[in-house]
Amino acid sequence: MTDVQTPATHPAPGVLSRIFRTEQDGAPGDGHEQVVLCHDRSSGLKAIIAIHSTALGPALGGTRFFPYASEEAALEDALNLSRGMSYKNALAGLDLGGGKAVIIGDPNKDKNEAMLRAYGRFVESLRGRYITACDVGTYVQDMDVIARETEFVTGRSPEHGGAGDSSILTAFGVFQGMRATAQARWGQPTLRGKRVGVAGVGKVGHYLVGHLVADGATVVITDVSEAAVNRVRAAHPEVEVVADTAALLQAKLDVYAPCALGGALTDQSVAALTEFGTSIVCGAANNQLAHPGVEKDLADRGILYAPDYLVNSGGVIQVADEIEGFNFERAKNKATKIFDTTLEIFTRAAADGVPPAVAADRLAEKRMREISALRTVLLPGARRG
């Protein structure tokens, strides 16, 4: 990667910014177009903004605030998450590319107004190439603070003209994907009578539990946060609670829904799901596959996997709609189509003899490639290059 100098519009006094370009702007692929390392000494901000692709439009993706063990771990997460956003936005039919940002720190201890506003200035310095939103550790109130320094923010509070909590449509979309997966596996688009395990009942997971209970599923949950578990039990006292994810994997589930952090599908967890008879994996967490090859292992073991970035795209559909002037029913109607897209992916996978994750990647890459190619058609007043 080539170290490129800070843009002429320096984000803020005392700020260090390094930009790395790894690929020509707009070109789809595994390489990232741009990675920005952000450091503001006065506020304590350390952040990374990763832009994977702008083939379809400005890169949209949330800001994760997390106490990473190292800057290297934060960078790896930003790269993986931003790539996932490119594929997610492509499959969702949005005219948006993929990006992601991570802020290094404990959101419960380190987050403050100055830090968020310093971060907002970095976002603004990218001049619209990246549009941010909420993610793990950030909330609509944080987006309102960031928006005091940049216009390139979605997921704002309704009081400021935003869509509010994007977890609502994220969970709705996952439920649509799960219904489609149930139809593909059992012939009916319902979880009624099925035993569904939800690992992580925080922002998205607790809404998903509500959909599942209303649909007639038996729900088993686990979460590292006692408060999150207690919130779900207060709303749905009929749910079962197990101590941890290991116990959940052994709970004889029909459906396993990873809804916490990424990397949930390891060789060991897939083996446990097989041993205890799980038929479907469909959840809200990003980057669920711990390494390449897990998707094939799932297919070989007869477990139907709904690609995470396909089914969890309801949230990005919601915040993307905010760019146009938010209308909840319009966004919800778009998120409902996750059901049809999930079935299409399963059909393509069966026809091509590949796992669903491969079929989803191919469809997303095809759209990015075809739309990116339109840039060779010059508009009046435009110049090549």
Protein backbone atom coordinates (compact mmCIF):
# COMPACT_ATOMS: atom_id res chain seq x y z
CA MET A 1 0.00 0.00 0.00
CA THR A 2 1.24 3.50 -0.81
CA ASP A 3 1.29 6.17 1.87
CA VAL A 4 -0.45 9.27 0.49
CA GLN A 5 -0.23 12.71 2.05
CA THR A 6 -3.06 14.23 4.06
CA PRO A 7 -5.65 16.07 1.91
CA ALA A 8 -5.29 19.83 1.58
CA THR A 9 -8.32 20.33 3.85
CA HIS A 10 -6.72 19.11 7.07
CA PRO A 11 -9.47 17.67 9.33
CA ALA A 12 -8.54 19.50 12.55
CA PRO A 13 -5.62 21.03 14.43
CA GLY A 14 -3.49 18.37 16.08
CA VAL A 15 -4.86 15.63 13.82
CA LEU A 16 -2.71 13.07 12.07
CA SER A 17 -4.19 11.48 8.96
CA ARG A 18 -2.60 8.90 6.71
CA ILE A 19 -4.37 7.67 3.61
CA PHE A 20 -3.53 4.44 1.84
CA ARG A 21 -4.78 3.69 -1.66
CA THR A 22 -4.70 0.06 -2.72
CA GLU A 23 -6.71 0.05 -5.92
CA GLN A 24 -8.08 2.40 -8.54
CA ASP A 25 -11.12 4.29 -7.33
CA GLY A 26 -14.37 2.51 -8.10
CA ALA A 27 -12.88 -0.82 -9.13
CA PRO A 28 -14.62 -3.81 -7.56
CA GLY A 29 -12.57 -6.59 -6.05
CA ASP A 30 -10.87 -7.71 -2.87
CA GLY A 31 -8.54 -4.71 -2.68
CA HIS A 32 -9.59 -1.56 -0.87
CA GLU A 33 -9.67 1.81 -2.54
CA GLN A 34 -8.71 3.81 0.52
CA VAL A 35 -7.89 3.37 4.19
CA VAL A 36 -7.63 6.40 6.47
CA LEU A 37 -5.90 6.18 9.84
CA CYS A 38 -7.22 8.94 12.11
CA HIS A 39 -5.58 10.26 15.27
CA ASP A 40 -6.62 13.35 17.21
CA ARG A 41 -4.36 13.84 20.20
CA SER A 42 -6.52 16.38 22.03
CA SER A 43 -9.65 14.21 22.17
CA GLY A 44 -7.88 10.85 22.24
CA LEU A 45 -9.48 9.71 19.00
CA LYS A 46 -7.90 6.73 17.25
CA ALA A 47 -9.98 5.53 14.33
CA ILE A 48 -9.77 3.80 10.97
CA ILE A 49 -12.01 4.48 7.98
CA ALA A 50 -11.88 1.79 5.31
CA ILE A 51 -13.40 2.36 1.87
CA HIS A 52 -13.62 -0.91 -0.01
CA SER A 53 -15.47 0.12 -3.16
CA THR A 54 -17.29 3.07 -4.66
CA ALA A 55 -18.22 1.13 -7.78
CA LEU A 56 -21.93 1.69 -7.10
CA GLY A 57 -21.70 5.06 -5.38
CA PRO A 58 -20.43 6.63 -2.14
CA ALA A 59 -19.30 4.07 0.43
CA LEU A 60 -21.91 3.67 3.16
CA GLY A 61 -21.25 1.78 6.37
CA GLY A 62 -21.45 2.22 10.12
CA THR A 63 -18.93 3.27 12.74
CA ARG A 64 -17.99 0.59 15.25
CA PHE A 65 -16.71 1.73 18.69
CA PHE A 66 -14.89 -1.21 20.27
CA PRO A 67 -11.96 -1.88 22.67
CA TYR A 68 -9.75 -3.71 20.19
CA ALA A 69 -6.73 -5.52 21.58
CA SER A 70 -4.46 -3.80 19.06
CA GLU A 71 -4.49 -1.40 16.13
CA GLU A 72 -3.78 -4.39 13.88
CA ALA A 73 -6.98 -6.09 15.10
CA ALA A 74 -8.92 -2.88 14.50
CA LEU A 75 -7.54 -2.58 10.97
CA GLU A 76 -8.39 -6.19 10.16
CA ASP A 77 -11.96 -5.68 11.38
CA ALA A 78 -12.36 -2.46 9.39
CA LEU A 79 -11.12 -4.14 6.20
CA ASN A 80 -13.36 -7.17 6.62
CA LEU A 81 -16.44 -5.15 7.55
CA SER A 82 -16.02 -2.63 4.73
CA ARG A 83 -15.69 -5.39 2.14
CA GLY A 84 -18.86 -6.94 3.53
CA MET A 85 -20.66 -3.61 3.13
CA SER A 86 -19.81 -3.49 -0.58
CA TYR A 87 -21.43 -6.87 -1.08
CA LYS A 88 -24.33 -6.08 1.23
CA ASN A 89 -25.19 -2.82 -0.54
CA ALA A 90 -24.82 -4.45 -3.96
CA LEU A 91 -27.21 -7.30 -3.13
CA ALA A 92 -29.67 -4.87 -1.55
CA GLY A 93 -29.90 -3.05 -4.88
CA LEU A 94 -28.57 0.22 -3.44
CA ASP A 95 -26.58 2.77 -5.43
CA LEU A 96 -23.96 2.79 -2.70
CA GLY A 97 -20.53 1.31 -2.24
CA GLY A 98 -19.04 -0.25 0.85
CA GLY A 99 -17.12 1.30 3.71
CA LYS A 100 -16.74 0.94 7.45
CA ALA A 101 -15.10 2.79 10.30
CA VAL A 102 -13.85 1.65 13.68
CA ILE A 103 -13.04 3.80 16.71
CA ILE A 104 -10.60 2.15 19.10
CA GLY A 105 -11.72 2.34 22.71
CA ASP A 106 -14.36 1.38 25.25
CA PRO A 107 -17.57 3.23 24.31
CA ASN A 108 -18.74 3.09 27.92
CA LYS A 109 -15.60 4.85 29.20
CA ASP A 110 -13.87 6.68 26.37
CA LYS A 111 -16.63 8.16 24.25
CA ASN A 112 -17.05 11.94 24.50
CA GLU A 113 -18.31 14.85 22.42
CA ALA A 114 -14.88 16.07 21.37
CA MET A 115 -13.86 12.61 20.16
CA LEU A 116 -17.02 12.14 18.12
CA ARG A 117 -16.72 15.61 16.60
CA ALA A 118 -13.07 15.04 15.73
CA TYR A 119 -14.13 11.83 14.02
CA GLY A 120 -16.82 13.78 12.16
CA ARG A 121 -14.16 16.08 10.76
CA PHE A 122 -12.30 13.12 9.32
CA VAL A 123 -15.51 11.92 7.66
CA GLU A 124 -16.04 15.42 6.26
CA SER A 125 -12.47 15.52 4.91
CA LEU A 126 -13.36 12.61 2.59
CA ARG A 127 -15.87 14.90 0.85
CA GLY A 128 -18.67 12.40 0.51
CA ARG A 129 -16.69 9.33 -0.51
CA TYR A 130 -17.75 7.78 2.81
CA ILE A 131 -21.12 8.12 4.59
CA THR A 132 -21.27 6.87 8.16
CA ALA A 133 -24.02 5.44 10.39
CA CYS A 134 -24.45 3.46 13.63
CA ASP A 135 -22.83 0.14 14.44
CA VAL A 136 -21.72 -1.75 17.54
CA GLY A 137 -20.99 0.77 20.28
CA THR A 138 -22.55 3.79 18.53
CA TYR A 139 -26.10 5.08 18.61
CA VAL A 140 -28.35 7.63 16.93
CA GLN A 141 -27.38 10.23 19.54
CA ASP A 142 -23.74 9.76 18.55
CA MET A 143 -24.61 10.31 14.90
CA ASP A 144 -26.27 13.60 15.88
CA VAL A 145 -23.00 14.71 17.50
CA ILE A 146 -20.90 13.59 14.52
CA ALA A 147 -23.29 15.48 12.23
CA ARG A 148 -22.26 18.75 13.88
CA GLU A 149 -19.02 18.42 11.90
CA THR A 150 -20.11 16.65 8.71
CA GLU A 151 -23.15 16.27 6.49
CA PHE A 152 -22.20 12.72 5.52
CA VAL A 153 -24.09 10.96 8.32
CA THR A 154 -27.15 8.74 8.37
CA GLY A 155 -28.92 6.94 11.19
CA ARG A 156 -29.69 10.20 12.94
CA SER A 157 -32.46 10.69 15.47
CA PRO A 158 -36.00 11.52 14.31
CA GLU A 159 -35.63 14.85 16.14
CA HIS A 160 -32.98 15.76 13.58
CA GLY A 161 -34.83 14.39 10.59
CA GLY A 162 -33.26 10.94 10.70
CA ALA A 163 -34.55 7.39 10.61
CA GLY A 164 -33.69 6.54 14.19
CA ASP A 165 -32.71 3.03 15.30
CA SER A 166 -31.66 1.00 12.24
CA SER A 167 -31.70 -2.18 14.33
CA ILE A 168 -35.47 -2.34 13.81
CA LEU A 169 -35.28 -3.03 10.09
CA THR A 170 -32.08 -5.05 10.46
CA ALA A 171 -33.98 -7.53 12.62
CA PHE A 172 -36.98 -7.40 10.29
CA GLY A 173 -34.75 -8.22 7.33
CA VAL A 174 -33.06 -11.11 9.14
CA PHE A 175 -36.49 -12.48 9.94
CA GLN A 176 -37.47 -12.26 6.25
CA GLY A 177 -34.28 -14.09 5.33
CA MET A 178 -35.00 -16.72 7.96
CA ARG A 179 -38.53 -17.20 6.64
CA ALA A 180 -37.13 -17.71 3.14
CA THR A 181 -34.56 -20.17 4.45
CA ALA A 182 -37.32 -22.08 6.27
CA GLN A 183 -39.29 -22.28 3.03
CA ALA A 184 -36.26 -23.58 1.15
CA ARG A 185 -35.57 -26.20 3.82
CA TRP A 186 -39.04 -27.18 5.05
CA GLY A 187 -41.45 -25.92 2.40
CA GLN A 188 -43.16 -23.28 4.54
CA PRO A 189 -42.07 -19.65 5.18
CA THR A 190 -42.54 -19.84 8.94
CA LEU A 191 -40.60 -20.71 12.08
CA ARG A 192 -43.70 -21.93 13.86
CA GLY A 193 -42.88 -25.01 15.90
CA LYS A 194 -39.14 -24.67 15.28
CA ARG A 195 -36.47 -24.25 17.94
CA VAL A 196 -34.37 -21.15 17.21
CA GLY A 197 -31.21 -20.19 19.10
CA VAL A 198 -30.21 -16.51 19.14
CA ALA A 199 -26.63 -15.77 20.19
CA GLY A 200 -26.56 -12.10 21.13
CA VAL A 201 -29.73 -10.24 22.08
CA GLY A 202 -28.46 -6.69 21.99
CA LYS A 203 -29.37 -4.04 19.43
CA VAL A 204 -30.68 -6.41 16.75
CA GLY A 205 -31.11 -9.71 18.55
CA HIS A 206 -33.82 -8.59 20.94
CA TYR A 207 -35.97 -7.33 18.05
CA LEU A 208 -35.41 -10.61 16.20
CA VAL A 209 -36.60 -12.55 19.26
CA GLY A 210 -39.85 -10.58 19.14
CA HIS A 211 -40.47 -11.57 15.51
CA LEU A 212 -39.70 -15.22 16.26
CA VAL A 213 -41.96 -15.40 19.30
CA ALA A 214 -44.80 -13.79 17.34
CA ASP A 215 -44.28 -16.36 14.58
CA GLY A 216 -44.66 -19.25 17.02
CA ALA A 217 -41.03 -20.35 17.38
CA THR A 218 -39.49 -21.71 20.56
CA VAL A 219 -36.59 -19.33 21.27
CA VAL A 220 -33.39 -20.03 23.18
CA ILE A 221 -31.04 -17.11 23.90
CA THR A 222 -27.64 -16.27 25.29
CA ASP A 223 -25.67 -13.05 25.74
CA VAL A 224 -22.61 -11.94 27.69
CA SER A 225 -24.69 -9.01 28.97
CA GLU A 226 -27.02 -9.89 31.84
CA ALA A 227 -28.92 -6.66 31.20
CA ALA A 228 -29.59 -7.68 27.59
CA VAL A 229 -30.88 -11.09 28.69
CA ASN A 230 -33.08 -9.56 31.38
CA ARG A 231 -34.60 -7.11 28.87
CA VAL A 232 -35.62 -9.99 26.60
CA ARG A 233 -36.99 -12.09 29.47
CA ALA A 234 -39.06 -9.15 30.69
CA ALA A 235 -40.66 -8.80 27.26
CA HIS A 236 -40.82 -12.52 26.46
CA PRO A 237 -40.75 -14.60 29.67
CA GLU A 238 -41.27 -17.78 27.66
CA VAL A 239 -37.77 -17.72 26.13
CA GLU A 240 -35.17 -20.17 27.37
CA VAL A 241 -31.78 -18.85 28.52
CA VAL A 242 -28.49 -20.76 28.39
CA ALA A 243 -25.17 -19.79 29.89
CA ASP A 244 -23.09 -19.22 26.77
CA THR A 245 -22.72 -19.87 23.06
CA ALA A 246 -21.21 -23.31 23.63
CA ALA A 247 -24.35 -24.33 25.49
CA LEU A 248 -26.53 -22.80 22.79
CA LEU A 249 -24.80 -24.83 20.06
CA GLN A 250 -25.70 -27.99 22.00
CA ALA A 251 -29.34 -27.00 22.57
CA LYS A 252 -30.71 -29.17 19.72
CA LEU A 253 -31.72 -26.23 17.58
CA ASP A 254 -33.47 -26.21 14.23
CA VAL A 255 -32.04 -22.75 13.48
CA TYR A 256 -28.93 -21.04 14.82
CA ALA A 257 -28.89 -17.24 14.62
CA PRO A 258 -25.50 -15.61 15.37
CA CYS A 259 -26.31 -12.00 16.25
CA ALA A 260 -23.21 -10.84 18.12
CA LEU A 261 -19.74 -10.20 16.71
CA GLY A 262 -18.21 -11.91 13.67
CA GLY A 263 -16.33 -15.18 13.31
CA ALA A 264 -19.08 -17.25 14.96
CA LEU A 265 -18.93 -20.06 12.39
CA THR A 266 -15.70 -21.89 13.12
CA ASP A 267 -14.75 -25.48 12.37
CA GLN A 268 -15.65 -26.35 15.96
CA SER A 269 -19.01 -24.57 16.02
CA VAL A 270 -20.05 -26.09 12.69
CA ALA A 271 -19.16 -29.54 14.02
CA ALA A 272 -21.28 -28.90 17.12
CA LEU A 273 -24.23 -27.73 15.02
CA THR A 274 -23.98 -30.92 12.98
CA GLU A 275 -23.73 -33.15 16.03
CA PHE A 276 -26.85 -31.65 17.59
CA GLY A 277 -28.97 -31.58 14.43
CA THR A 278 -29.18 -27.91 13.43
CA SER A 279 -30.55 -27.47 9.90
CA ILE A 280 -30.23 -23.71 9.27
CA VAL A 281 -27.83 -20.89 10.11
CA CYS A 282 -29.29 -17.41 9.62
CA GLY A 283 -28.36 -14.46 11.80
CA ALA A 284 -27.59 -10.76 12.02
CA ALA A 285 -23.86 -10.79 12.82
CA ASN A 286 -21.45 -9.53 10.17
CA ASN A 287 -18.62 -11.73 8.85
CA GLN A 288 -19.90 -14.93 10.43
CA LEU A 289 -17.54 -17.23 8.53
CA ALA A 290 -14.33 -17.53 10.54
CA HIS A 291 -12.28 -18.42 7.45
CA PRO A 292 -12.74 -19.39 3.78
CA GLY A 293 -14.04 -22.91 3.41
CA VAL A 294 -16.53 -22.81 6.27
CA GLU A 295 -19.32 -22.10 3.78
CA LYS A 296 -18.47 -25.36 1.94
CA ASP A 297 -18.25 -27.28 5.20
CA LEU A 298 -21.75 -26.10 6.12
CA ALA A 299 -23.10 -27.18 2.73
CA ASP A 300 -21.34 -30.54 2.89
CA ARG A 301 -22.87 -31.19 6.30
CA GLY A 302 -26.37 -30.37 5.02
CA ILE A 303 -26.72 -27.10 6.94
CA LEU A 304 -28.39 -24.36 4.90
CA TYR A 305 -26.54 -21.09 5.45
CA ALA A 306 -28.15 -17.75 4.60
CA PRO A 307 -25.25 -15.36 3.84
CA ASP A 308 -25.05 -12.77 6.60
CA TYR A 309 -24.62 -9.71 4.42
CA LEU A 310 -27.71 -10.71 2.45
CA VAL A 311 -30.13 -11.14 5.34
CA ASN A 312 -28.83 -8.37 7.63
CA SER A 313 -29.13 -5.61 5.03
CA GLY A 314 -32.37 -4.18 6.42
CA GLY A 315 -30.47 -1.66 8.53
CA VAL A 316 -28.45 -0.27 5.64
CA ILE A 317 -31.62 -0.14 3.56
CA GLN A 318 -33.14 1.99 6.32
CA VAL A 319 -30.25 4.44 6.65
CA ALA A 320 -29.84 4.64 2.85
CA ASP A 321 -33.47 5.68 2.61
CA GLU A 322 -32.67 8.50 5.00
CA ILE A 323 -30.42 10.04 2.35
CA GLU A 324 -33.53 10.58 0.20
CA GLY A 325 -35.67 11.85 3.09
CA PHE A 326 -36.75 9.00 5.32
CA ASN A 327 -40.03 7.15 4.88
CA PHE A 328 -40.33 4.10 7.14
CA GLU A 329 -42.93 2.24 5.08
CA ARG A 330 -40.88 2.71 1.90
CA ALA A 331 -37.77 1.39 3.65
CA LYS A 332 -39.69 -1.52 5.18
CA ASN A 333 -41.08 -2.48 1.76
CA LYS A 334 -37.53 -2.58 0.41
CA ALA A 335 -36.39 -4.72 3.36
CA THR A 336 -39.25 -7.14 2.72
CA LYS A 337 -37.57 -8.03 -0.59
CA ILE A 338 -34.79 -9.74 1.35
CA PHE A 339 -37.16 -12.72 1.38
CA ASP A 340 -37.18 -12.92 -2.43
CA THR A 341 -33.45 -12.27 -2.80
CA THR A 342 -32.66 -15.03 -0.32
CA LEU A 343 -34.73 -17.52 -2.30
CA GLU A 344 -33.02 -16.36 -5.50
CA ILE A 345 -29.60 -17.00 -3.97
CA PHE A 346 -30.61 -20.52 -2.94
CA THR A 347 -31.92 -21.20 -6.46
CA ARG A 348 -28.69 -19.92 -8.04
CA ALA A 349 -26.59 -21.94 -5.62
CA ALA A 350 -28.44 -25.15 -6.44
CA ALA A 351 -28.24 -24.50 -10.19
CA ASP A 352 -24.49 -23.77 -10.06
CA GLY A 353 -23.65 -26.48 -7.55
CA VAL A 354 -22.03 -24.04 -5.11
CA PRO A 355 -22.72 -22.97 -1.50
CA PRO A 356 -25.15 -20.04 -1.08
CA ALA A 357 -22.31 -17.77 0.09
CA VAL A 358 -20.54 -18.28 -3.24
CA ALA A 359 -23.73 -17.63 -5.21
CA ALA A 360 -24.32 -14.42 -3.23
CA ASP A 361 -20.75 -13.23 -3.83
CA ARG A 362 -21.09 -13.86 -7.56
CA LEU A 363 -24.33 -11.91 -7.83
CA ALA A 364 -22.95 -8.96 -5.86
CA GLU A 365 -19.71 -8.92 -7.88
CA LYS A 366 -21.66 -9.07 -11.13
CA ARG A 367 -23.65 -5.97 -10.19
CA MET A 368 -20.56 -4.05 -9.06
CA ARG A 369 -18.71 -5.00 -12.23
CA GLU A 370 -21.54 -4.07 -14.59
CA ILE A 371 -22.39 -0.74 -12.95
CA SER A 372 -18.74 0.21 -12.58
CA ALA A 373 -18.30 -0.36 -16.33
CA LEU A 374 -20.82 2.44 -17.00
CA ARG A 375 -18.12 4.93 -16.06
CA THR A 376 -16.61 4.39 -19.48
CA VAL A 377 -19.69 6.18 -20.88
CA LEU A 378 -18.67 9.84 -20.63
CA LEU A 379 -21.24 12.45 -19.69
CA PRO A 380 -21.25 15.97 -21.17
CA GLY A 381 -18.51 18.05 -19.60
CA ALA A 382 -16.82 15.00 -18.04
CA ARG A 383 -13.30 13.92 -18.83
CA ARG A 384 -11.75 10.51 -18.72
CA GLY A 385 -9.44 9.51 -15.88
